[in-house]
Structures are given as C-alpha cells and as structure tokens.
Amino acid sequence: MPEPICDLCGAPNPTWRYPGQDFIASIGGTPAGISEGDWHVCWQCHTLIDLGDRKALEIRCLDTYIMGHPESVMDTVWIMDAMRDIQRQFFENRTGKPVRIEVERASA
C-alpha cells in the first residue's frame, strides 16, 4: 500500500483529515477527475488553512510540487492556476472541522 500523502501539497505523512463531500474536480473548467470524500492534509498545510492564509498555502503547494518535479519549473503559471482551482474546490466542498489523524488511530 502506498504511503499516504497530503492531498494539497503531496508531502508525506498527512496528520489531519478534512471531511468533504464527493465532487467532480475540474481544472480550468475542464473535468479532471472525481474527488471522493475526505482530504488528508499535512501539518504545514493545516496550519496555513487554520490561519486563513490561502496565498501562503498556494506558494507552499507550488514549491513542494516543483521540488518533486523539477522538470515542471517552466509550467509554474499553469501549475499555480491548477492548484488554485483544486484548493478552491477543497474549500467549497469541506463539510466539517478537521480531525487530527493520530487521534482517530488511537481511538480506533
């Protein structure tokens, strides 16, 4: 089974679960796939969400993506636009407060 990653930035070991409804994800108005249920988020992205700092969240996600895919550096404008679309849909489709994943494991 693959290691879990943050659904926003791709970092390993997400520590928060954000309840969410299913939706058809789109990038630039074009359907890109189906988002099913909850989102798993790393502590860094969670902190930025909690602070309401969407700009810093965008920059973190872009930086993390480019570090893992350096060949994509020439496409940063398109990637940033796509990440904004994805993050907008994340915020629009949240259905509850975040839950710390370690707490869930301990109580399971």
C-alpha atoms as a PDB file:
ATOM      1  CA  MET A   1       0.000   0.000   0.000  1.00  0.00           C
ATOM      2  CA  PRO A   2       1.468   3.407  -0.933  1.00  0.00           C
ATOM      3  CA  GLU A   3       2.406   5.806   1.827  1.00  0.00           C
ATOM      4  CA  PRO A   4      -0.275   8.457   2.397  1.00  0.00           C
ATOM      5  CA  ILE A   5       0.458  11.974   1.185  1.00  0.00           C
ATOM      6  CA  CYS A   6      -1.066  15.399   1.702  1.00  0.00           C
ATOM      7  CA  ASP A   7      -3.893  15.877  -0.793  1.00  0.00           C
ATOM      8  CA  LEU A   8      -2.921  19.531  -1.209  1.00  0.00           C
ATOM      9  CA  CYS A   9       0.882  19.640  -1.444  1.00  0.00           C
ATOM     10  CA  GLY A  10       1.910  15.985  -1.795  1.00  0.00           C
ATOM     11  CA  ALA A  11       4.097  15.934   1.334  1.00  0.00           C
ATOM     12  CA  PRO A  12       4.309  12.576   3.151  1.00  0.00           C
ATOM     13  CA  ASN A  13       2.543  11.721   6.408  1.00  0.00           C
ATOM     14  CA  PRO A  14      -0.632  13.815   6.494  1.00  0.00           C
ATOM     15  CA  THR A  15      -1.759  14.456  10.064  1.00  0.00           C
ATOM     16  CA  TRP A  16      -5.224  15.991   9.547  1.00  0.00           C
ATOM     17  CA  ARG A  17      -8.403  14.739   7.907  1.00  0.00           C
ATOM     18  CA  TYR A  18     -10.838  17.282   6.488  1.00  0.00           C
ATOM     19  CA  PRO A  19     -14.339  15.876   5.952  1.00  0.00           C
ATOM     20  CA  GLY A  20     -15.555  16.584   2.446  1.00  0.00           C
ATOM     21  CA  GLN A  21     -18.304  15.709   0.032  1.00  0.00           C
ATOM     22  CA  ASP A  22     -17.699  13.941  -3.273  1.00  0.00           C
ATOM     23  CA  PHE A  23     -17.409  16.205  -6.308  1.00  0.00           C
ATOM     24  CA  ILE A  24     -16.193  16.263  -9.883  1.00  0.00           C
ATOM     25  CA  ALA A  25     -12.872  18.086  -9.743  1.00  0.00           C
ATOM     26  CA  SER A  26     -12.055  20.454 -12.562  1.00  0.00           C
ATOM     27  CA  ILE A  27      -9.037  22.431 -13.662  1.00  0.00           C
ATOM     28  CA  GLY A  28      -9.687  25.493 -15.773  1.00  0.00           C
ATOM     29  CA  GLY A  29     -13.311  24.424 -16.137  1.00  0.00           C
ATOM     30  CA  THR A  30     -12.352  21.023 -17.578  1.00  0.00           C
ATOM     31  CA  PRO A  31     -13.291  17.920 -15.568  1.00  0.00           C
ATOM     32  CA  ALA A  32     -10.129  16.340 -14.185  1.00  0.00           C
ATOM     33  CA  GLY A  33     -11.430  13.506 -12.011  1.00  0.00           C
ATOM     34  CA  ILE A  34     -13.597  12.677  -9.051  1.00  0.00           C
ATOM     35  CA  SER A  35     -12.747  13.716  -5.517  1.00  0.00           C
ATOM     36  CA  GLU A  36     -14.228  11.174  -3.136  1.00  0.00           C
ATOM     37  CA  GLY A  37     -14.780  12.036   0.493  1.00  0.00           C
ATOM     38  CA  ASP A  38     -12.277  13.354   2.976  1.00  0.00           C
ATOM     39  CA  TRP A  39      -8.984  15.101   2.280  1.00  0.00           C
ATOM     40  CA  HIS A  40      -5.789  14.236   4.163  1.00  0.00           C
ATOM     41  CA  VAL A  41      -3.578  17.228   4.880  1.00  0.00           C
ATOM     42  CA  CYS A  42      -0.067  17.665   6.336  1.00  0.00           C
ATOM     43  CA  TRP A  43       0.501  19.797   9.422  1.00  0.00           C
ATOM     44  CA  GLN A  44       2.068  22.625   7.397  1.00  0.00           C
ATOM     45  CA  CYS A  45      -0.929  22.948   5.064  1.00  0.00           C
ATOM     46  CA  HIS A  46      -3.301  22.560   8.026  1.00  0.00           C
ATOM     47  CA  THR A  47      -1.566  25.445   9.814  1.00  0.00           C
ATOM     48  CA  LEU A  48      -1.948  27.705   6.770  1.00  0.00           C
ATOM     49  CA  ILE A  49      -5.613  26.711   6.380  1.00  0.00           C
ATOM     50  CA  ASP A  50      -6.184  27.389  10.084  1.00  0.00           C
ATOM     51  CA  LEU A  51      -4.566  30.827   9.724  1.00  0.00           C
ATOM     52  CA  GLY A  52      -6.682  31.572   6.638  1.00  0.00           C
ATOM     53  CA  ASP A  53      -3.522  32.256   4.613  1.00  0.00           C
ATOM     54  CA  ARG A  54      -4.530  30.934   1.204  1.00  0.00           C
ATOM     55  CA  LYS A  55      -1.712  32.770  -0.582  1.00  0.00           C
ATOM     56  CA  ALA A  56       0.940  31.073   1.580  1.00  0.00           C
ATOM     57  CA  LEU A  57      -0.874  27.755   1.016  1.00  0.00           C
ATOM     58  CA  GLU A  58      -0.666  28.261  -2.758  1.00  0.00           C
ATOM     59  CA  ILE A  59       3.054  29.048  -2.554  1.00  0.00           C
ATOM     60  CA  ARG A  60       3.762  26.055  -0.289  1.00  0.00           C
ATOM     61  CA  CYS A  61       1.935  23.689  -2.625  1.00  0.00           C
ATOM     62  CA  LEU A  62       3.706  25.065  -5.708  1.00  0.00           C
ATOM     63  CA  ASP A  63       7.133  24.886  -4.042  1.00  0.00           C
ATOM     64  CA  THR A  64       6.537  21.327  -2.823  1.00  0.00           C
ATOM     65  CA  TYR A  65       5.346  20.236  -6.262  1.00  0.00           C
ATOM     66  CA  ILE A  66       8.309  21.817  -8.089  1.00  0.00           C
ATOM     67  CA  MET A  67      10.795  20.247  -5.630  1.00  0.00           C
ATOM     68  CA  GLY A  68       9.384  16.833  -6.508  1.00  0.00           C
ATOM     69  CA  HIS A  69       9.038  17.597 -10.237  1.00  0.00           C
ATOM     70  CA  PRO A  70      11.866  19.990 -11.181  1.00  0.00           C
ATOM     71  CA  GLU A  71      11.201  19.399 -14.878  1.00  0.00           C
ATOM     72  CA  SER A  72       7.906  21.282 -14.398  1.00  0.00           C
ATOM     73  CA  VAL A  73       9.513  24.591 -13.443  1.00  0.00           C
ATOM     74  CA  MET A  74       8.711  26.041 -16.877  1.00  0.00           C
ATOM     75  CA  ASP A  75       4.990  25.395 -16.301  1.00  0.00           C
ATOM     76  CA  THR A  76       4.667  27.197 -12.963  1.00  0.00           C
ATOM     77  CA  VAL A  77       1.921  29.580 -14.167  1.00  0.00           C
ATOM     78  CA  TRP A  78      -0.298  26.698 -15.330  1.00  0.00           C
ATOM     79  CA  ILE A  79       0.515  24.645 -12.218  1.00  0.00           C
ATOM     80  CA  MET A  80      -0.343  27.558  -9.901  1.00  0.00           C
ATOM     81  CA  ASP A  81      -3.648  28.124 -11.713  1.00  0.00           C
ATOM     82  CA  ALA A  82      -4.463  24.405 -11.411  1.00  0.00           C
ATOM     83  CA  MET A  83      -3.580  24.400  -7.706  1.00  0.00           C
ATOM     84  CA  ARG A  84      -5.805  27.430  -7.120  1.00  0.00           C
ATOM     85  CA  ASP A  85      -8.693  25.578  -8.784  1.00  0.00           C
ATOM     86  CA  ILE A  86      -8.079  22.477  -6.675  1.00  0.00           C
ATOM     87  CA  GLN A  87      -7.768  24.443  -3.443  1.00  0.00           C
ATOM     88  CA  ARG A  88     -10.911  26.477  -4.215  1.00  0.00           C
ATOM     89  CA  GLN A  89     -12.823  23.221  -4.672  1.00  0.00           C
ATOM     90  CA  PHE A  90     -11.345  21.850  -1.439  1.00  0.00           C
ATOM     91  CA  PHE A  91     -12.671  24.858   0.496  1.00  0.00           C
ATOM     92  CA  GLU A  92     -16.059  24.762  -1.273  1.00  0.00           C
ATOM     93  CA  ASN A  93     -16.608  21.058  -0.549  1.00  0.00           C
ATOM     94  CA  ARG A  94     -15.495  20.800   3.069  1.00  0.00           C
ATOM     95  CA  THR A  95     -18.265  19.505   5.294  1.00  0.00           C
ATOM     96  CA  GLY A  96     -16.857  19.776   8.799  1.00  0.00           C
ATOM     97  CA  LYS A  97     -13.990  20.621  11.091  1.00  0.00           C
ATOM     98  CA  PRO A  98     -10.610  18.930  10.674  1.00  0.00           C
ATOM     99  CA  VAL A  99      -9.796  15.900  12.801  1.00  0.00           C
ATOM    100  CA  ARG A 100      -6.259  15.002  13.833  1.00  0.00           C
ATOM    101  CA  ILE A 101      -5.394  11.631  12.279  1.00  0.00           C
ATOM    102  CA  GLU A 102      -3.364  10.360  15.280  1.00  0.00           C
ATOM    103  CA  VAL A 103      -6.430  10.843  17.485  1.00  0.00           C
ATOM    104  CA  GLU A 104      -8.501   8.735  15.088  1.00  0.00           C
ATOM    105  CA  ARG A 105      -5.905   5.921  15.104  1.00  0.00           C
ATOM    106  CA  ALA A 106      -5.679   5.942  18.899  1.00  0.00           C
ATOM    107  CA  SER A 107      -9.448   5.689  19.305  1.00  0.00           C
ATOM    108  CA  ALA A 108      -9.921   3.021  16.627  1.00  0.00           C
END
